[in-house]
Amino acid sequence: MPQLNPNPWFFIFLFSWLFFLIIMTKQVMNHLFNKEPKLKNTDKPKPEPWYWPWT
């Protein structure tokens, strides 16, 4: 039964996980975090005075 022989499958499993953990992690992180986060503006705008046409 060749499917129970772990010799070739273990190395395929090991190299695929190493590929995903080492190489793909860098590419995904570069894609996701390529921009600096922007700070929110904390200044509140001054309110405009209301205009009452009937006064």
N, C-alpha and C. Protein backbone atom coordinates (compact mmCIF):
# COMPACT_ATOMS: atom_id res chain seq x y z
N MET A 1 0.85 -1.18 0.00
CA MET A 1 0.00 0.00 0.00
C MET A 1 0.89 1.24 0.00
N PRO A 2 1.04 1.89 -1.12
CA PRO A 2 1.97 3.02 -1.18
C PRO A 2 1.46 4.27 -0.45
N GLN A 3 0.14 4.42 -0.24
CA GLN A 3 -0.33 5.61 0.43
C GLN A 3 0.06 5.63 1.91
N LEU A 4 0.45 4.49 2.46
CA LEU A 4 0.87 4.45 3.86
C LEU A 4 2.37 4.68 4.01
N ASN A 5 3.06 4.79 2.94
CA ASN A 5 4.49 5.07 3.01
C ASN A 5 4.67 6.58 3.25
N PRO A 6 5.15 6.99 4.43
CA PRO A 6 5.24 8.41 4.73
C PRO A 6 6.44 9.12 4.13
N ASN A 7 7.31 8.37 3.51
CA ASN A 7 8.55 8.97 3.03
C ASN A 7 8.31 10.10 2.02
N PRO A 8 7.61 9.94 0.90
CA PRO A 8 7.45 11.08 -0.01
C PRO A 8 6.44 12.11 0.50
N TRP A 9 5.39 11.64 1.18
CA TRP A 9 4.31 12.54 1.58
C TRP A 9 4.73 13.47 2.71
N PHE A 10 5.58 12.99 3.56
CA PHE A 10 6.01 13.83 4.66
C PHE A 10 6.82 15.02 4.15
N PHE A 11 7.67 14.81 3.18
CA PHE A 11 8.48 15.91 2.64
C PHE A 11 7.62 16.89 1.84
N ILE A 12 6.63 16.39 1.15
CA ILE A 12 5.72 17.28 0.44
C ILE A 12 4.95 18.13 1.45
N PHE A 13 4.48 17.51 2.49
CA PHE A 13 3.78 18.25 3.55
C PHE A 13 4.69 19.27 4.21
N LEU A 14 5.90 18.88 4.53
CA LEU A 14 6.84 19.78 5.20
C LEU A 14 7.21 20.97 4.32
N PHE A 15 7.53 20.74 3.07
CA PHE A 15 7.92 21.83 2.18
C PHE A 15 6.75 22.74 1.84
N SER A 16 5.56 22.19 1.75
CA SER A 16 4.41 23.05 1.49
C SER A 16 4.13 23.97 2.69
N TRP A 17 4.25 23.46 3.89
CA TRP A 17 4.06 24.31 5.07
C TRP A 17 5.17 25.33 5.22
N LEU A 18 6.37 24.95 4.92
CA LEU A 18 7.45 25.93 4.96
C LEU A 18 7.24 27.03 3.93
N PHE A 19 6.77 26.66 2.79
CA PHE A 19 6.48 27.65 1.76
C PHE A 19 5.42 28.63 2.24
N PHE A 20 4.33 28.11 2.79
CA PHE A 20 3.25 28.99 3.25
C PHE A 20 3.66 29.83 4.45
N LEU A 21 4.44 29.28 5.33
CA LEU A 21 4.80 30.02 6.54
C LEU A 21 5.91 31.03 6.32
N ILE A 22 6.80 30.78 5.42
CA ILE A 22 7.95 31.68 5.24
C ILE A 22 7.74 32.62 4.06
N ILE A 23 7.45 32.09 2.91
CA ILE A 23 7.41 32.90 1.69
C ILE A 23 6.08 33.63 1.56
N MET A 24 4.99 32.92 1.70
CA MET A 24 3.68 33.54 1.49
C MET A 24 3.33 34.53 2.59
N THR A 25 3.82 34.34 3.79
CA THR A 25 3.53 35.27 4.87
C THR A 25 4.09 36.65 4.56
N LYS A 26 5.29 36.71 4.03
CA LYS A 26 5.90 37.99 3.68
C LYS A 26 5.11 38.68 2.57
N GLN A 27 4.69 37.94 1.59
CA GLN A 27 3.96 38.53 0.47
C GLN A 27 2.59 39.03 0.91
N VAL A 28 1.92 38.27 1.75
CA VAL A 28 0.60 38.68 2.22
C VAL A 28 0.72 39.90 3.12
N MET A 29 1.70 39.93 3.99
CA MET A 29 1.87 41.06 4.89
C MET A 29 2.27 42.32 4.11
N ASN A 30 3.06 42.19 3.08
CA ASN A 30 3.40 43.35 2.25
C ASN A 30 2.18 43.87 1.50
N HIS A 31 1.33 42.98 1.13
CA HIS A 31 0.13 43.40 0.40
C HIS A 31 -0.87 44.09 1.34
N LEU A 32 -1.02 43.60 2.54
CA LEU A 32 -2.03 44.13 3.45
C LEU A 32 -1.60 45.43 4.11
N PHE A 33 -0.36 45.56 4.46
CA PHE A 33 0.10 46.70 5.23
C PHE A 33 1.08 47.56 4.45
N ASN A 34 0.70 47.94 3.25
CA ASN A 34 1.62 48.74 2.44
C ASN A 34 1.40 50.24 2.64
N LYS A 35 0.36 50.64 3.38
CA LYS A 35 0.09 52.06 3.60
C LYS A 35 0.12 52.37 5.09
N GLU A 36 0.56 53.57 5.39
CA GLU A 36 0.55 54.01 6.78
C GLU A 36 -0.88 54.38 7.18
N PRO A 37 -1.26 54.07 8.40
CA PRO A 37 -2.60 54.49 8.82
C PRO A 37 -2.68 55.99 9.01
N LYS A 38 -3.80 56.57 8.67
CA LYS A 38 -3.99 58.00 8.80
C LYS A 38 -4.68 58.31 10.12
N LEU A 39 -4.25 59.40 10.74
CA LEU A 39 -4.87 59.81 11.98
C LEU A 39 -6.17 60.56 11.68
N LYS A 40 -7.11 60.41 12.58
CA LYS A 40 -8.36 61.13 12.41
C LYS A 40 -8.16 62.59 12.76
N ASN A 41 -8.90 63.42 12.10
CA ASN A 41 -8.84 64.84 12.40
C ASN A 41 -9.60 65.11 13.70
N THR A 42 -8.92 65.69 14.69
CA THR A 42 -9.56 65.92 15.99
C THR A 42 -10.13 67.32 16.10
N ASP A 43 -9.88 68.20 15.13
CA ASP A 43 -10.43 69.55 15.17
C ASP A 43 -11.90 69.52 14.79
N LYS A 44 -12.71 70.19 15.62
CA LYS A 44 -14.13 70.27 15.32
C LYS A 44 -14.38 71.54 14.50
N PRO A 45 -15.17 71.45 13.48
CA PRO A 45 -15.45 72.66 12.70
C PRO A 45 -16.33 73.62 13.51
N LYS A 46 -16.11 74.90 13.27
CA LYS A 46 -16.93 75.91 13.93
C LYS A 46 -18.33 75.89 13.34
N PRO A 47 -19.34 75.94 14.17
CA PRO A 47 -20.70 75.92 13.60
C PRO A 47 -21.04 77.26 12.95
N GLU A 48 -21.75 77.14 11.88
CA GLU A 48 -22.20 78.34 11.18
C GLU A 48 -23.41 78.92 11.91
N PRO A 49 -23.54 80.24 12.01
CA PRO A 49 -24.74 80.79 12.65
C PRO A 49 -25.97 80.58 11.77
N TRP A 50 -27.08 80.41 12.42
CA TRP A 50 -28.32 80.17 11.69
C TRP A 50 -28.87 81.48 11.14
N TYR A 51 -29.45 81.39 10.02
CA TYR A 51 -30.08 82.54 9.42
C TYR A 51 -31.60 82.35 9.50
N TRP A 52 -32.28 83.28 10.18
CA TRP A 52 -33.73 83.22 10.34
C TRP A 52 -34.36 84.27 9.42
N PRO A 53 -34.97 83.87 8.34
CA PRO A 53 -35.49 84.84 7.38
C PRO A 53 -36.69 85.65 7.90
N TRP A 54 -37.40 85.20 8.91
CA TRP A 54 -38.61 85.91 9.37
C TRP A 54 -38.31 86.89 10.50
N THR A 55 -37.04 87.06 10.91
CA THR A 55 -36.74 88.04 11.96
C THR A 55 -36.12 89.28 11.40
